[in-house]
Amino acid sequence: MAEEAKEQELAGQQGEADMVENQGDVRGEEAEEVQESETEALQRELADTRDQLMRIAAEFDNFRKRMEREKSRLLQYAGENILRDLLTTVDNLDRAIDQASACAEDDGKKLQAMVQGVELTRKGLVATLERFGVEPLEAVGLAFNPDEHDALTMEASADMAANHVLREFLRGYRFKDRILRHAQVVVSSGPEKSA
């Protein structure tokens, strides 16, 4: 009987061990299911994030292309306003030529009318350039400045101090804060020295 009791006890222990093992299997399966559902959730979240990133990248690319097109269009027609205003100068020159040829029979009067027309046209052109930020550089009588002047030659002068602009061959112009064209000048070397 003692053996029978031992067998039953062993069988009971075996049954408890099987039950614990079965419960461990059930818990393990539940843990695997939880992990699988978490994995699936993370994969969905990853896919959503990827999709959002792809959309943002596409939107950015479209924005960049649109900005490039607009920049290109702006650069292509950047001078449109100044050119439109310069057409007025061309019209004024045409009028001056027409007036000079039709106005008078006397050559002196024709020439005078032509000169007046050209002077008015020049005044209008200078006003147009000033509206767009172009202004003439002053040179005569000022100290020579290599940032604004190109010295063509030097001449002795009793009236002008050395290294000052004596005469201007070609007027210089500034566009806003940049030199558009240097003035071409003759620079004084001071009074002529006698030998």
N, C-alpha and C. Protein backbone atom coordinates (compact mmCIF):
# COMPACT_ATOMS: atom_id res chain seq x y z
N MET A 1 0.80 -1.17 0.00
CA MET A 1 0.00 0.00 0.00
C MET A 1 0.85 1.24 0.00
N ALA A 2 1.93 1.07 0.64
CA ALA A 2 2.81 2.22 0.69
C ALA A 2 3.29 2.52 -0.71
N GLU A 3 3.48 1.46 -1.47
CA GLU A 3 3.91 1.69 -2.84
C GLU A 3 2.81 2.33 -3.64
N GLU A 4 1.62 1.90 -3.40
CA GLU A 4 0.47 2.46 -4.10
C GLU A 4 0.33 3.94 -3.75
N ALA A 5 0.52 4.29 -2.50
CA ALA A 5 0.41 5.68 -2.06
C ALA A 5 1.50 6.50 -2.70
N LYS A 6 2.68 5.88 -2.82
CA LYS A 6 3.79 6.61 -3.45
C LYS A 6 3.48 6.85 -4.92
N GLU A 7 2.90 5.87 -5.56
CA GLU A 7 2.58 6.01 -6.97
C GLU A 7 1.53 7.07 -7.16
N GLN A 8 0.55 7.10 -6.28
CA GLN A 8 -0.50 8.10 -6.39
C GLN A 8 0.10 9.49 -6.14
N GLU A 9 0.96 9.52 -5.13
CA GLU A 9 1.58 10.81 -4.83
C GLU A 9 2.41 11.28 -6.02
N LEU A 10 3.17 10.35 -6.61
CA LEU A 10 3.97 10.69 -7.79
C LEU A 10 3.07 11.09 -8.94
N ALA A 11 1.98 10.38 -9.11
CA ALA A 11 1.04 10.70 -10.19
C ALA A 11 0.44 12.08 -9.94
N GLY A 12 0.12 12.39 -8.69
CA GLY A 12 -0.43 13.71 -8.36
C GLY A 12 0.58 14.80 -8.65
N GLN A 13 1.83 14.54 -8.28
CA GLN A 13 2.87 15.53 -8.54
C GLN A 13 3.06 15.70 -10.04
N GLN A 14 3.01 14.60 -10.75
CA GLN A 14 3.14 14.63 -12.21
C GLN A 14 2.00 15.43 -12.80
N GLY A 15 0.79 15.23 -12.31
CA GLY A 15 -0.38 15.96 -12.80
C GLY A 15 -0.25 17.44 -12.52
N GLU A 16 0.26 17.77 -11.30
CA GLU A 16 0.43 19.18 -10.98
C GLU A 16 1.47 19.80 -11.90
N ALA A 17 2.55 19.04 -12.15
CA ALA A 17 3.60 19.54 -13.03
C ALA A 17 3.06 19.74 -14.43
N ASP A 18 2.23 18.78 -14.89
CA ASP A 18 1.63 18.93 -16.23
C ASP A 18 0.71 20.14 -16.27
N MET A 19 -0.04 20.35 -15.17
CA MET A 19 -0.94 21.48 -15.12
C MET A 19 -0.15 22.79 -15.15
N VAL A 20 0.92 22.84 -14.36
CA VAL A 20 1.76 24.04 -14.33
C VAL A 20 2.36 24.25 -15.70
N GLU A 21 2.79 23.14 -16.33
CA GLU A 21 3.38 23.24 -17.66
C GLU A 21 2.35 23.72 -18.65
N ASN A 22 1.12 23.19 -18.54
CA ASN A 22 0.04 23.63 -19.45
C ASN A 22 -0.28 25.11 -19.22
N GLN A 23 -0.29 25.53 -17.95
CA GLN A 23 -0.55 26.94 -17.67
C GLN A 23 0.58 27.80 -18.24
N GLY A 24 1.81 27.32 -18.16
CA GLY A 24 2.97 28.04 -18.74
C GLY A 24 2.82 28.13 -20.24
N ASP A 25 2.34 27.03 -20.86
CA ASP A 25 2.13 27.06 -22.31
C ASP A 25 1.07 28.09 -22.67
N VAL A 26 -0.01 28.14 -21.88
CA VAL A 26 -1.10 29.08 -22.13
C VAL A 26 -0.58 30.51 -21.97
N ARG A 27 0.18 30.73 -20.89
CA ARG A 27 0.74 32.07 -20.67
C ARG A 27 1.73 32.42 -21.78
N GLY A 28 2.51 31.50 -22.22
CA GLY A 28 3.47 31.72 -23.31
C GLY A 28 2.75 32.06 -24.61
N GLU A 29 1.63 31.34 -24.86
CA GLU A 29 0.86 31.63 -26.07
C GLU A 29 0.24 33.03 -25.98
N GLU A 30 -0.25 33.39 -24.77
CA GLU A 30 -0.82 34.73 -24.59
C GLU A 30 0.27 35.79 -24.80
N ALA A 31 1.46 35.55 -24.30
CA ALA A 31 2.57 36.50 -24.45
C ALA A 31 2.94 36.64 -25.93
N GLU A 32 2.95 35.51 -26.65
CA GLU A 32 3.25 35.55 -28.07
C GLU A 32 2.20 36.33 -28.83
N GLU A 33 0.92 36.14 -28.46
CA GLU A 33 -0.17 36.88 -29.11
C GLU A 33 -0.04 38.37 -28.85
N VAL A 34 0.32 38.74 -27.60
CA VAL A 34 0.50 40.15 -27.25
C VAL A 34 1.65 40.74 -28.06
N GLN A 35 2.75 39.98 -28.16
CA GLN A 35 3.90 40.44 -28.92
C GLN A 35 3.54 40.60 -30.40
N GLU A 36 2.80 39.65 -30.93
CA GLU A 36 2.40 39.73 -32.34
C GLU A 36 1.50 40.93 -32.58
N SER A 37 0.56 41.20 -31.67
CA SER A 37 -0.32 42.35 -31.85
C SER A 37 0.47 43.65 -31.71
N GLU A 38 1.45 43.70 -30.78
CA GLU A 38 2.30 44.88 -30.66
C GLU A 38 3.15 45.06 -31.92
N THR A 39 3.67 43.98 -32.44
CA THR A 39 4.47 44.03 -33.66
C THR A 39 3.64 44.55 -34.82
N GLU A 40 2.41 44.03 -34.93
CA GLU A 40 1.53 44.48 -36.01
C GLU A 40 1.20 45.96 -35.85
N ALA A 41 0.96 46.41 -34.63
CA ALA A 41 0.67 47.82 -34.38
C ALA A 41 1.86 48.69 -34.76
N LEU A 42 3.07 48.24 -34.38
CA LEU A 42 4.27 48.99 -34.71
C LEU A 42 4.50 49.02 -36.22
N GLN A 43 4.22 47.90 -36.90
CA GLN A 43 4.37 47.86 -38.35
C GLN A 43 3.38 48.81 -39.03
N ARG A 44 2.14 48.85 -38.54
CA ARG A 44 1.15 49.79 -39.09
C ARG A 44 1.60 51.23 -38.87
N GLU A 45 2.10 51.51 -37.65
CA GLU A 45 2.57 52.86 -37.32
C GLU A 45 3.75 53.24 -38.22
N LEU A 46 4.66 52.28 -38.43
CA LEU A 46 5.80 52.51 -39.31
C LEU A 46 5.33 52.79 -40.74
N ALA A 47 4.38 52.04 -41.21
CA ALA A 47 3.85 52.24 -42.57
C ALA A 47 3.19 53.61 -42.68
N ASP A 48 2.42 54.00 -41.65
CA ASP A 48 1.77 55.32 -41.66
C ASP A 48 2.82 56.44 -41.67
N THR A 49 3.85 56.28 -40.85
CA THR A 49 4.91 57.29 -40.79
C THR A 49 5.64 57.38 -42.12
N ARG A 50 5.92 56.23 -42.73
CA ARG A 50 6.56 56.21 -44.05
C ARG A 50 5.69 56.94 -45.07
N ASP A 51 4.39 56.67 -45.03
CA ASP A 51 3.45 57.30 -45.95
C ASP A 51 3.45 58.82 -45.76
N GLN A 52 3.43 59.26 -44.50
CA GLN A 52 3.45 60.69 -44.21
C GLN A 52 4.74 61.33 -44.71
N LEU A 53 5.86 60.67 -44.48
CA LEU A 53 7.15 61.19 -44.94
C LEU A 53 7.20 61.29 -46.46
N MET A 54 6.66 60.30 -47.13
CA MET A 54 6.64 60.32 -48.60
C MET A 54 5.77 61.48 -49.10
N ARG A 55 4.65 61.72 -48.45
CA ARG A 55 3.77 62.83 -48.84
C ARG A 55 4.47 64.17 -48.60
N ILE A 56 5.12 64.30 -47.45
CA ILE A 56 5.83 65.54 -47.14
C ILE A 56 6.95 65.77 -48.15
N ALA A 57 7.69 64.71 -48.48
CA ALA A 57 8.77 64.83 -49.46
C ALA A 57 8.22 65.25 -50.82
N ALA A 58 7.09 64.69 -51.22
CA ALA A 58 6.47 65.05 -52.50
C ALA A 58 5.99 66.51 -52.48
N GLU A 59 5.39 66.93 -51.36
CA GLU A 59 4.95 68.32 -51.24
C GLU A 59 6.13 69.28 -51.30
N PHE A 60 7.21 68.93 -50.62
CA PHE A 60 8.40 69.77 -50.64
C PHE A 60 8.98 69.85 -52.05
N ASP A 61 9.04 68.74 -52.74
CA ASP A 61 9.55 68.72 -54.10
C ASP A 61 8.69 69.60 -55.01
N ASN A 62 7.38 69.50 -54.88
CA ASN A 62 6.48 70.34 -55.67
C ASN A 62 6.68 71.82 -55.34
N PHE A 63 6.85 72.14 -54.05
CA PHE A 63 7.09 73.52 -53.63
C PHE A 63 8.39 74.05 -54.23
N ARG A 64 9.45 73.24 -54.16
CA ARG A 64 10.75 73.64 -54.71
C ARG A 64 10.65 73.91 -56.20
N LYS A 65 9.97 73.03 -56.93
CA LYS A 65 9.81 73.21 -58.38
C LYS A 65 9.00 74.47 -58.69
N ARG A 66 7.96 74.72 -57.90
CA ARG A 66 7.13 75.92 -58.11
C ARG A 66 7.97 77.18 -57.87
N MET A 67 8.79 77.18 -56.81
CA MET A 67 9.65 78.33 -56.52
C MET A 67 10.67 78.56 -57.64
N GLU A 68 11.23 77.48 -58.17
CA GLU A 68 12.18 77.61 -59.28
C GLU A 68 11.50 78.19 -60.51
N ARG A 69 10.27 77.76 -60.81
CA ARG A 69 9.54 78.31 -61.96
C ARG A 69 9.26 79.80 -61.76
N GLU A 70 8.84 80.17 -60.54
CA GLU A 70 8.55 81.58 -60.28
C GLU A 70 9.82 82.42 -60.34
N LYS A 71 10.91 81.91 -59.81
CA LYS A 71 12.18 82.63 -59.86
C LYS A 71 12.63 82.82 -61.31
N SER A 72 12.51 81.76 -62.09
CA SER A 72 12.87 81.84 -63.50
C SER A 72 12.02 82.87 -64.23
N ARG A 73 10.73 82.87 -63.94
CA ARG A 73 9.81 83.82 -64.57
C ARG A 73 10.16 85.26 -64.16
N LEU A 74 10.48 85.46 -62.88
CA LEU A 74 10.85 86.80 -62.41
C LEU A 74 12.14 87.27 -63.08
N LEU A 75 13.12 86.39 -63.19
CA LEU A 75 14.38 86.76 -63.82
C LEU A 75 14.20 87.03 -65.31
N GLN A 76 13.35 86.27 -65.93
CA GLN A 76 13.12 86.42 -67.37
C GLN A 76 12.54 87.80 -67.69
N TYR A 77 11.66 88.29 -66.83
CA TYR A 77 11.00 89.57 -67.10
C TYR A 77 11.43 90.67 -66.13
N ALA A 78 12.60 90.54 -65.53
CA ALA A 78 13.05 91.49 -64.51
C ALA A 78 13.19 92.90 -65.05
N GLY A 79 13.62 93.07 -66.27
CA GLY A 79 13.84 94.40 -66.83
C GLY A 79 12.63 95.00 -67.52
N GLU A 80 11.49 94.36 -67.40
CA GLU A 80 10.30 94.80 -68.14
C GLU A 80 9.92 96.25 -67.83
N ASN A 81 9.93 96.64 -66.57
CA ASN A 81 9.52 98.00 -66.20
C ASN A 81 10.45 99.06 -66.78
N ILE A 82 11.75 98.85 -66.66
CA ILE A 82 12.67 99.85 -67.18
C ILE A 82 12.59 99.93 -68.70
N LEU A 83 12.43 98.79 -69.34
CA LEU A 83 12.32 98.81 -70.80
C LEU A 83 11.05 99.54 -71.24
N ARG A 84 9.96 99.34 -70.53
CA ARG A 84 8.71 100.03 -70.85
C ARG A 84 8.92 101.55 -70.74
N ASP A 85 9.62 101.98 -69.68
CA ASP A 85 9.88 103.41 -69.51
C ASP A 85 10.85 103.95 -70.55
N LEU A 86 11.77 103.13 -71.01
CA LEU A 86 12.71 103.57 -72.04
C LEU A 86 12.03 103.75 -73.40
N LEU A 87 10.93 103.07 -73.61
CA LEU A 87 10.19 103.26 -74.87
C LEU A 87 9.72 104.71 -75.01
N THR A 88 9.44 105.37 -73.92
CA THR A 88 9.07 106.78 -73.96
C THR A 88 10.22 107.61 -74.52
N THR A 89 11.44 107.26 -74.17
CA THR A 89 12.61 107.95 -74.69
C THR A 89 12.72 107.77 -76.20
N VAL A 90 12.48 106.57 -76.66
CA VAL A 90 12.51 106.31 -78.10
C VAL A 90 11.43 107.14 -78.80
N ASP A 91 10.24 107.18 -78.22
CA ASP A 91 9.16 108.00 -78.79
C ASP A 91 9.56 109.47 -78.87
N ASN A 92 10.19 109.98 -77.80
CA ASN A 92 10.62 111.37 -77.80
C ASN A 92 11.69 111.65 -78.84
N LEU A 93 12.60 110.72 -79.04
CA LEU A 93 13.61 110.88 -80.10
C LEU A 93 12.94 110.91 -81.48
N ASP A 94 11.96 110.05 -81.69
CA ASP A 94 11.23 110.06 -82.96
C ASP A 94 10.54 111.40 -83.17
N ARG A 95 9.92 111.93 -82.12
CA ARG A 95 9.24 113.23 -82.23
C ARG A 95 10.24 114.34 -82.54
N ALA A 96 11.40 114.30 -81.90
CA ALA A 96 12.42 115.33 -82.14
C ALA A 96 12.88 115.30 -83.59
N ILE A 97 13.07 114.11 -84.12
CA ILE A 97 13.50 113.98 -85.52
C ILE A 97 12.40 114.48 -86.45
N ASP A 98 11.15 114.09 -86.19
CA ASP A 98 10.03 114.54 -87.02
C ASP A 98 9.88 116.06 -86.96
N GLN A 99 9.99 116.63 -85.78
CA GLN A 99 9.83 118.07 -85.62
C GLN A 99 10.94 118.81 -86.33
N ALA A 100 12.15 118.32 -86.24
CA ALA A 100 13.28 118.98 -86.87
C ALA A 100 13.16 118.96 -88.39
N SER A 101 12.65 117.90 -88.93
CA SER A 101 12.56 117.81 -90.39
C SER A 101 11.33 118.52 -90.94
N ALA A 102 10.26 118.65 -90.18
CA ALA A 102 9.03 119.22 -90.70
C ALA A 102 8.81 120.66 -90.25
N CYS A 103 9.46 121.09 -89.24
CA CYS A 103 9.13 122.35 -88.58
C CYS A 103 9.56 123.58 -89.37
N ALA A 104 10.73 123.59 -89.86
CA ALA A 104 11.25 124.83 -90.47
C ALA A 104 11.97 124.53 -91.77
N GLU A 105 11.98 125.56 -92.61
CA GLU A 105 12.70 125.41 -93.88
C GLU A 105 14.15 125.84 -93.71
N ASP A 106 14.40 126.65 -92.74
CA ASP A 106 15.74 127.16 -92.48
C ASP A 106 16.54 126.08 -91.74
N ASP A 107 17.75 125.79 -92.21
CA ASP A 107 18.60 124.75 -91.60
C ASP A 107 18.95 125.09 -90.15
N GLY A 108 19.17 126.35 -89.86
CA GLY A 108 19.50 126.77 -88.49
C GLY A 108 18.35 126.48 -87.54
N LYS A 109 17.13 126.74 -87.96
CA LYS A 109 15.96 126.48 -87.12
C LYS A 109 15.74 124.97 -86.95
N LYS A 110 15.99 124.20 -88.02
CA LYS A 110 15.87 122.74 -87.93
C LYS A 110 16.84 122.19 -86.89
N LEU A 111 18.08 122.70 -86.98
CA LEU A 111 19.10 122.23 -86.04
C LEU A 111 18.74 122.61 -84.61
N GLN A 112 18.25 123.83 -84.44
CA GLN A 112 17.86 124.28 -83.10
C GLN A 112 16.71 123.43 -82.56
N ALA A 113 15.71 123.13 -83.39
CA ALA A 113 14.58 122.29 -82.96
C ALA A 113 15.06 120.89 -82.61
N MET A 114 15.99 120.38 -83.41
CA MET A 114 16.54 119.04 -83.14
C MET A 114 17.28 119.02 -81.82
N VAL A 115 18.10 120.02 -81.55
CA VAL A 115 18.86 120.08 -80.31
C VAL A 115 17.91 120.18 -79.11
N GLN A 116 16.88 121.01 -79.23
CA GLN A 116 15.92 121.13 -78.13
C GLN A 116 15.22 119.79 -77.87
N GLY A 117 14.84 119.11 -78.94
CA GLY A 117 14.19 117.80 -78.79
C GLY A 117 15.10 116.78 -78.13
N VAL A 118 16.35 116.77 -78.53
CA VAL A 118 17.31 115.82 -77.95
C VAL A 118 17.57 116.16 -76.48
N GLU A 119 17.67 117.45 -76.16
CA GLU A 119 17.87 117.85 -74.76
C GLU A 119 16.70 117.41 -73.89
N LEU A 120 15.47 117.61 -74.37
CA LEU A 120 14.30 117.17 -73.61
C LEU A 120 14.28 115.65 -73.46
N THR A 121 14.65 114.96 -74.51
CA THR A 121 14.68 113.50 -74.46
C THR A 121 15.72 113.02 -73.46
N ARG A 122 16.89 113.66 -73.47
CA ARG A 122 17.94 113.29 -72.52
C ARG A 122 17.47 113.51 -71.09
N LYS A 123 16.80 114.63 -70.86
CA LYS A 123 16.26 114.93 -69.53
C LYS A 123 15.29 113.84 -69.08
N GLY A 124 14.41 113.42 -69.99
CA GLY A 124 13.46 112.36 -69.67
C GLY A 124 14.15 111.04 -69.39
N LEU A 125 15.18 110.73 -70.17
CA LEU A 125 15.93 109.48 -69.97
C LEU A 125 16.65 109.48 -68.63
N VAL A 126 17.26 110.60 -68.27
CA VAL A 126 17.96 110.70 -66.99
C VAL A 126 16.95 110.54 -65.84
N ALA A 127 15.77 111.14 -65.98
CA ALA A 127 14.73 111.00 -64.93
C ALA A 127 14.30 109.54 -64.80
N THR A 128 14.17 108.84 -65.93
CA THR A 128 13.79 107.42 -65.90
C THR A 128 14.86 106.61 -65.19
N LEU A 129 16.11 106.85 -65.51
CA LEU A 129 17.21 106.12 -64.87
C LEU A 129 17.25 106.39 -63.37
N GLU A 130 17.00 107.63 -62.97
CA GLU A 130 17.01 107.97 -61.55
C GLU A 130 15.88 107.26 -60.81
N ARG A 131 14.72 107.09 -61.46
CA ARG A 131 13.61 106.36 -60.83
C ARG A 131 13.99 104.92 -60.53
N PHE A 132 14.89 104.36 -61.34
CA PHE A 132 15.32 102.97 -61.14
C PHE A 132 16.61 102.86 -60.34
N GLY A 133 17.07 103.98 -59.77
CA GLY A 133 18.23 103.94 -58.88
C GLY A 133 19.56 104.17 -59.55
N VAL A 134 19.56 104.63 -60.81
CA VAL A 134 20.81 104.93 -61.51
C VAL A 134 21.07 106.43 -61.39
N GLU A 135 22.25 106.77 -60.90
CA GLU A 135 22.58 108.19 -60.77
C GLU A 135 24.01 108.42 -61.25
N PRO A 136 24.26 109.61 -61.81
CA PRO A 136 25.61 109.91 -62.31
C PRO A 136 26.58 110.13 -61.15
N LEU A 137 27.83 109.79 -61.40
CA LEU A 137 28.89 110.02 -60.42
C LEU A 137 29.49 111.39 -60.67
N GLU A 138 29.71 112.14 -59.63
CA GLU A 138 30.40 113.42 -59.75
C GLU A 138 31.89 113.13 -59.80
N ALA A 139 32.61 113.83 -60.66
CA ALA A 139 34.03 113.54 -60.77
C ALA A 139 34.89 114.81 -60.81
N VAL A 140 34.55 115.77 -61.66
CA VAL A 140 35.40 116.94 -61.89
C VAL A 140 35.56 117.73 -60.59
N GLY A 141 36.83 117.99 -60.25
CA GLY A 141 37.15 118.76 -59.06
C GLY A 141 37.31 117.92 -57.80
N LEU A 142 36.89 116.67 -57.85
CA LEU A 142 37.01 115.79 -56.68
C LEU A 142 38.34 115.04 -56.71
N ALA A 143 38.76 114.57 -55.55
CA ALA A 143 39.98 113.75 -55.47
C ALA A 143 39.77 112.46 -56.27
N PHE A 144 40.83 112.04 -56.95
CA PHE A 144 40.76 110.81 -57.75
C PHE A 144 40.45 109.63 -56.83
N ASN A 145 39.43 108.85 -57.20
CA ASN A 145 39.01 107.68 -56.42
C ASN A 145 38.99 106.48 -57.36
N PRO A 146 39.93 105.55 -57.23
CA PRO A 146 39.99 104.42 -58.16
C PRO A 146 38.76 103.51 -58.10
N ASP A 147 37.95 103.63 -57.04
CA ASP A 147 36.72 102.84 -56.96
C ASP A 147 35.63 103.40 -57.87
N GLU A 148 35.75 104.68 -58.24
CA GLU A 148 34.74 105.32 -59.08
C GLU A 148 35.29 105.84 -60.41
N HIS A 149 36.61 106.05 -60.48
CA HIS A 149 37.20 106.69 -61.66
C HIS A 149 38.24 105.79 -62.32
N ASP A 150 38.31 105.87 -63.63
CA ASP A 150 39.40 105.26 -64.40
C ASP A 150 40.22 106.41 -64.96
N ALA A 151 41.49 106.50 -64.57
CA ALA A 151 42.36 107.58 -65.04
C ALA A 151 42.88 107.22 -66.43
N LEU A 152 42.59 108.07 -67.41
CA LEU A 152 43.08 107.83 -68.76
C LEU A 152 44.46 108.43 -68.95
N THR A 153 44.67 109.59 -68.32
CA THR A 153 45.96 110.27 -68.42
C THR A 153 46.08 111.29 -67.29
N MET A 154 47.27 111.86 -67.17
CA MET A 154 47.50 112.92 -66.19
C MET A 154 47.99 114.15 -66.94
N GLU A 155 47.55 115.32 -66.47
CA GLU A 155 47.97 116.59 -67.07
C GLU A 155 48.35 117.55 -65.97
N ALA A 156 49.30 118.39 -66.27
CA ALA A 156 49.68 119.43 -65.32
C ALA A 156 48.61 120.51 -65.34
N SER A 157 48.29 121.06 -64.17
CA SER A 157 47.29 122.13 -64.08
C SER A 157 47.61 123.01 -62.90
N ALA A 158 47.63 124.32 -63.17
CA ALA A 158 47.86 125.29 -62.10
C ALA A 158 46.58 125.51 -61.30
N ASP A 159 45.43 125.21 -61.92
CA ASP A 159 44.14 125.47 -61.28
C ASP A 159 43.67 124.32 -60.39
N MET A 160 44.13 123.12 -60.64
CA MET A 160 43.62 121.94 -59.92
C MET A 160 44.75 121.29 -59.12
N ALA A 161 44.44 120.92 -57.89
CA ALA A 161 45.43 120.27 -57.03
C ALA A 161 45.80 118.90 -57.61
N ALA A 162 46.96 118.44 -57.24
CA ALA A 162 47.43 117.13 -57.72
C ALA A 162 46.48 116.03 -57.25
N ASN A 163 46.33 115.00 -58.10
CA ASN A 163 45.48 113.84 -57.83
C ASN A 163 44.00 114.18 -57.70
N HIS A 164 43.58 115.23 -58.37
CA HIS A 164 42.17 115.60 -58.46
C HIS A 164 41.75 115.50 -59.92
N VAL A 165 40.47 115.23 -60.15
CA VAL A 165 39.96 115.05 -61.52
C VAL A 165 39.88 116.41 -62.20
N LEU A 166 40.57 116.49 -63.32
CA LEU A 166 40.63 117.73 -64.10
C LEU A 166 39.50 117.80 -65.12
N ARG A 167 39.32 116.71 -65.86
CA ARG A 167 38.26 116.63 -66.88
C ARG A 167 37.66 115.23 -66.90
N GLU A 168 36.49 115.18 -67.48
CA GLU A 168 35.78 113.91 -67.59
C GLU A 168 35.57 113.59 -69.07
N PHE A 169 36.05 112.43 -69.52
CA PHE A 169 35.81 112.00 -70.90
C PHE A 169 34.47 111.29 -71.00
N LEU A 170 34.21 110.45 -70.04
CA LEU A 170 32.98 109.66 -70.05
C LEU A 170 32.43 109.63 -68.63
N ARG A 171 31.17 109.99 -68.49
CA ARG A 171 30.55 110.06 -67.17
C ARG A 171 30.36 108.66 -66.59
N GLY A 172 30.56 108.54 -65.30
CA GLY A 172 30.34 107.28 -64.59
C GLY A 172 28.96 107.27 -63.96
N TYR A 173 28.45 106.06 -63.68
CA TYR A 173 27.12 105.92 -63.09
C TYR A 173 27.14 104.87 -61.99
N ARG A 174 26.27 105.11 -61.00
CA ARG A 174 26.10 104.18 -59.88
C ARG A 174 24.68 103.65 -59.95
N PHE A 175 24.54 102.34 -59.73
CA PHE A 175 23.22 101.72 -59.64
C PHE A 175 23.03 101.26 -58.20
N LYS A 176 22.17 101.97 -57.49
CA LYS A 176 21.93 101.74 -56.06
C LYS A 176 23.26 101.85 -55.31
N ASP A 177 23.84 100.75 -54.83
CA ASP A 177 25.09 100.84 -54.08
C ASP A 177 26.28 100.29 -54.86
N ARG A 178 26.11 100.04 -56.16
CA ARG A 178 27.19 99.50 -56.99
C ARG A 178 27.58 100.49 -58.09
N ILE A 179 28.83 100.42 -58.47
CA ILE A 179 29.28 101.22 -59.60
C ILE A 179 28.85 100.49 -60.87
N LEU A 180 28.04 101.16 -61.67
CA LEU A 180 27.58 100.58 -62.93
C LEU A 180 28.64 100.76 -64.01
N ARG A 181 29.24 101.97 -64.02
CA ARG A 181 30.33 102.25 -64.95
C ARG A 181 31.24 103.31 -64.32
N HIS A 182 32.54 103.05 -64.35
CA HIS A 182 33.51 104.02 -63.84
C HIS A 182 33.55 105.24 -64.76
N ALA A 183 33.81 106.40 -64.18
CA ALA A 183 34.01 107.61 -64.98
C ALA A 183 35.42 107.55 -65.55
N GLN A 184 35.55 107.91 -66.82
CA GLN A 184 36.87 107.96 -67.45
C GLN A 184 37.33 109.41 -67.39
N VAL A 185 38.44 109.62 -66.70
CA VAL A 185 38.84 110.99 -66.36
C VAL A 185 40.31 111.27 -66.66
N VAL A 186 40.60 112.60 -66.69
CA VAL A 186 41.97 113.09 -66.75
C VAL A 186 42.28 113.61 -65.36
N VAL A 187 43.40 113.19 -64.80
CA VAL A 187 43.77 113.55 -63.43
C VAL A 187 44.87 114.60 -63.47
N SER A 188 44.76 115.56 -62.57
CA SER A 188 45.76 116.63 -62.48
C SER A 188 47.02 116.11 -61.80
N SER A 189 48.17 116.50 -62.35
CA SER A 189 49.44 116.16 -61.71
C SER A 189 49.96 117.35 -60.91
N GLY A 190 49.17 118.41 -60.81
CA GLY A 190 49.55 119.62 -60.09
C GLY A 190 50.16 120.64 -61.05
N PRO A 191 50.67 121.73 -60.51
CA PRO A 191 51.26 122.76 -61.38
C PRO A 191 52.47 122.20 -62.13
N GLU A 192 52.65 122.73 -63.33
CA GLU A 192 53.79 122.29 -64.16
C GLU A 192 55.07 122.78 -63.54
N LYS A 193 56.03 121.91 -63.44
CA LYS A 193 57.30 122.27 -62.81
C LYS A 193 58.24 122.79 -63.90
N SER A 194 58.86 123.93 -63.63
CA SER A 194 59.79 124.49 -64.61
C SER A 194 61.18 123.93 -64.35
N ALA A 195 61.91 123.74 -65.42
CA ALA A 195 63.22 123.11 -65.30
C ALA A 195 64.31 124.07 -65.02
